[in-house]
Amino acid sequence: MNITDVRIRKVDKEGKMKAVVSITIDNEFAVHDIKIIEGVFIAMPSRKNAEGEYRDVAHPINSDTRTQLQEMIMEKYREEIAEA
């Protein structure tokens, strides 16, 4: 699996969420609404279920993939912050 594109949309309002991210995998599959929280970690796209709990609708299956994904997204986020 190769992340072939990372797009960052900064959030201007106050709060813990700093940006929303879309990634493209192998130029063939997109995942939208990954959130950057407090500029420190990512939260995968989620939905509220009938019990009121939030459940991820897309997520890495193992910790190595999650770490790789988070590092790539955070690196791109830091680059965009530095440019601003």
C-alpha atoms as a PDB file:
ATOM      1  CA  MET A   1       0.000   0.000   0.000  1.00  0.00           C
ATOM      2  CA  ASN A   2       1.327   3.391  -0.980  1.00  0.00           C
ATOM      3  CA  ILE A   3      -0.131   6.715   0.083  1.00  0.00           C
ATOM      4  CA  THR A   4       0.086   8.632  -3.177  1.00  0.00           C
ATOM      5  CA  ASP A   5      -1.537  11.911  -2.117  1.00  0.00           C
ATOM      6  CA  VAL A   6      -2.201  13.763   1.139  1.00  0.00           C
ATOM      7  CA  ARG A   7      -4.397  16.876   1.143  1.00  0.00           C
ATOM      8  CA  ILE A   8      -4.696  19.058   4.239  1.00  0.00           C
ATOM      9  CA  ARG A   9      -7.543  21.516   4.873  1.00  0.00           C
ATOM     10  CA  LYS A  10      -6.814  23.667   7.916  1.00  0.00           C
ATOM     11  CA  VAL A  11      -9.693  24.446  10.282  1.00  0.00           C
ATOM     12  CA  ASP A  12      -9.902  28.148  11.170  1.00  0.00           C
ATOM     13  CA  LYS A  13     -12.209  27.930  14.181  1.00  0.00           C
ATOM     14  CA  GLU A  14     -11.059  27.462  17.774  1.00  0.00           C
ATOM     15  CA  GLY A  15     -10.955  23.960  19.168  1.00  0.00           C
ATOM     16  CA  LYS A  16      -8.903  20.794  19.280  1.00  0.00           C
ATOM     17  CA  MET A  17      -9.350  19.868  15.625  1.00  0.00           C
ATOM     18  CA  LYS A  18      -6.691  21.682  13.593  1.00  0.00           C
ATOM     19  CA  ALA A  19      -7.206  20.211  10.115  1.00  0.00           C
ATOM     20  CA  VAL A  20      -9.132  17.702   8.027  1.00  0.00           C
ATOM     21  CA  VAL A  21      -7.185  15.367   5.758  1.00  0.00           C
ATOM     22  CA  SER A  22      -7.923  13.343   2.642  1.00  0.00           C
ATOM     23  CA  ILE A  23      -5.525  10.643   1.489  1.00  0.00           C
ATOM     24  CA  THR A  24      -5.306   8.672  -1.737  1.00  0.00           C
ATOM     25  CA  ILE A  25      -3.984   5.117  -1.702  1.00  0.00           C
ATOM     26  CA  ASP A  26      -2.218   3.747  -4.799  1.00  0.00           C
ATOM     27  CA  ASN A  27      -3.860   6.476  -6.941  1.00  0.00           C
ATOM     28  CA  GLU A  28      -7.047   4.393  -6.728  1.00  0.00           C
ATOM     29  CA  PHE A  29      -8.783   4.717  -3.354  1.00  0.00           C
ATOM     30  CA  ALA A  30      -9.529   7.822  -1.275  1.00  0.00           C
ATOM     31  CA  VAL A  31     -10.232   8.221   2.439  1.00  0.00           C
ATOM     32  CA  HIS A  32     -11.689  11.565   3.539  1.00  0.00           C
ATOM     33  CA  ASP A  33     -12.348  13.233   6.899  1.00  0.00           C
ATOM     34  CA  ILE A  34      -9.255  12.129   8.796  1.00  0.00           C
ATOM     35  CA  LYS A  35      -8.874  14.723  11.547  1.00  0.00           C
ATOM     36  CA  ILE A  36      -5.700  16.215  12.989  1.00  0.00           C
ATOM     37  CA  ILE A  37      -6.298  16.738  16.701  1.00  0.00           C
ATOM     38  CA  GLU A  38      -4.303  19.369  18.607  1.00  0.00           C
ATOM     39  CA  GLY A  39      -1.592  19.133  15.936  1.00  0.00           C
ATOM     40  CA  VAL A  40      -0.367  15.939  17.604  1.00  0.00           C
ATOM     41  CA  PHE A  41      -2.279  12.898  16.358  1.00  0.00           C
ATOM     42  CA  ILE A  42      -4.886  11.795  13.830  1.00  0.00           C
ATOM     43  CA  ALA A  43      -8.435  10.519  14.293  1.00  0.00           C
ATOM     44  CA  MET A  44      -9.880   8.303  11.595  1.00  0.00           C
ATOM     45  CA  PRO A  45     -13.297   9.027  10.018  1.00  0.00           C
ATOM     46  CA  SER A  46     -16.108   7.940  12.343  1.00  0.00           C
ATOM     47  CA  ARG A  47     -19.877   7.864  12.786  1.00  0.00           C
ATOM     48  CA  LYS A  48     -22.113   7.900  15.815  1.00  0.00           C
ATOM     49  CA  ASN A  49     -23.950   4.592  16.320  1.00  0.00           C
ATOM     50  CA  ALA A  50     -27.402   4.026  17.852  1.00  0.00           C
ATOM     51  CA  GLU A  51     -25.902   3.896  21.367  1.00  0.00           C
ATOM     52  CA  GLY A  52     -24.291   7.319  20.889  1.00  0.00           C
ATOM     53  CA  GLU A  53     -20.735   5.983  20.599  1.00  0.00           C
ATOM     54  CA  TYR A  54     -18.418   6.957  17.765  1.00  0.00           C
ATOM     55  CA  ARG A  55     -17.010   4.103  15.657  1.00  0.00           C
ATOM     56  CA  ASP A  56     -14.313   4.383  13.005  1.00  0.00           C
ATOM     57  CA  VAL A  57     -15.649   3.727   9.512  1.00  0.00           C
ATOM     58  CA  ALA A  58     -12.161   3.322   8.009  1.00  0.00           C
ATOM     59  CA  HIS A  59      -8.983   2.531   9.891  1.00  0.00           C
ATOM     60  CA  PRO A  60      -5.607   0.756   9.648  1.00  0.00           C
ATOM     61  CA  ILE A  61      -5.714  -2.878  10.744  1.00  0.00           C
ATOM     62  CA  ASN A  62      -2.312  -2.917  12.469  1.00  0.00           C
ATOM     63  CA  SER A  63      -0.242  -0.487  14.491  1.00  0.00           C
ATOM     64  CA  ASP A  64       2.640  -0.328  11.996  1.00  0.00           C
ATOM     65  CA  THR A  65       0.320   0.889   9.257  1.00  0.00           C
ATOM     66  CA  ARG A  66      -1.309   3.391  11.611  1.00  0.00           C
ATOM     67  CA  THR A  67       2.109   4.731  12.635  1.00  0.00           C
ATOM     68  CA  GLN A  68       3.186   5.050   8.992  1.00  0.00           C
ATOM     69  CA  LEU A  69      -0.043   6.830   8.073  1.00  0.00           C
ATOM     70  CA  GLN A  70       0.113   9.185  11.058  1.00  0.00           C
ATOM     71  CA  GLU A  71       3.766  10.089  10.432  1.00  0.00           C
ATOM     72  CA  MET A  72       3.097  10.851   6.758  1.00  0.00           C
ATOM     73  CA  ILE A  73       0.059  13.014   7.533  1.00  0.00           C
ATOM     74  CA  MET A  74       1.753  14.878  10.391  1.00  0.00           C
ATOM     75  CA  GLU A  75       4.854  15.557   8.279  1.00  0.00           C
ATOM     76  CA  LYS A  76       2.689  17.110   5.543  1.00  0.00           C
ATOM     77  CA  TYR A  77       0.745  19.093   8.190  1.00  0.00           C
ATOM     78  CA  ARG A  78       3.986  20.488   9.693  1.00  0.00           C
ATOM     79  CA  GLU A  79       5.196  21.474   6.201  1.00  0.00           C
ATOM     80  CA  GLU A  80       1.981  23.394   5.538  1.00  0.00           C
ATOM     81  CA  ILE A  81       2.127  25.125   8.931  1.00  0.00           C
ATOM     82  CA  ALA A  82       5.732  26.171   8.268  1.00  0.00           C
ATOM     83  CA  GLU A  83       4.752  27.643   4.882  1.00  0.00           C
ATOM     84  CA  ALA A  84       1.944  29.733   6.404  1.00  0.00           C
END
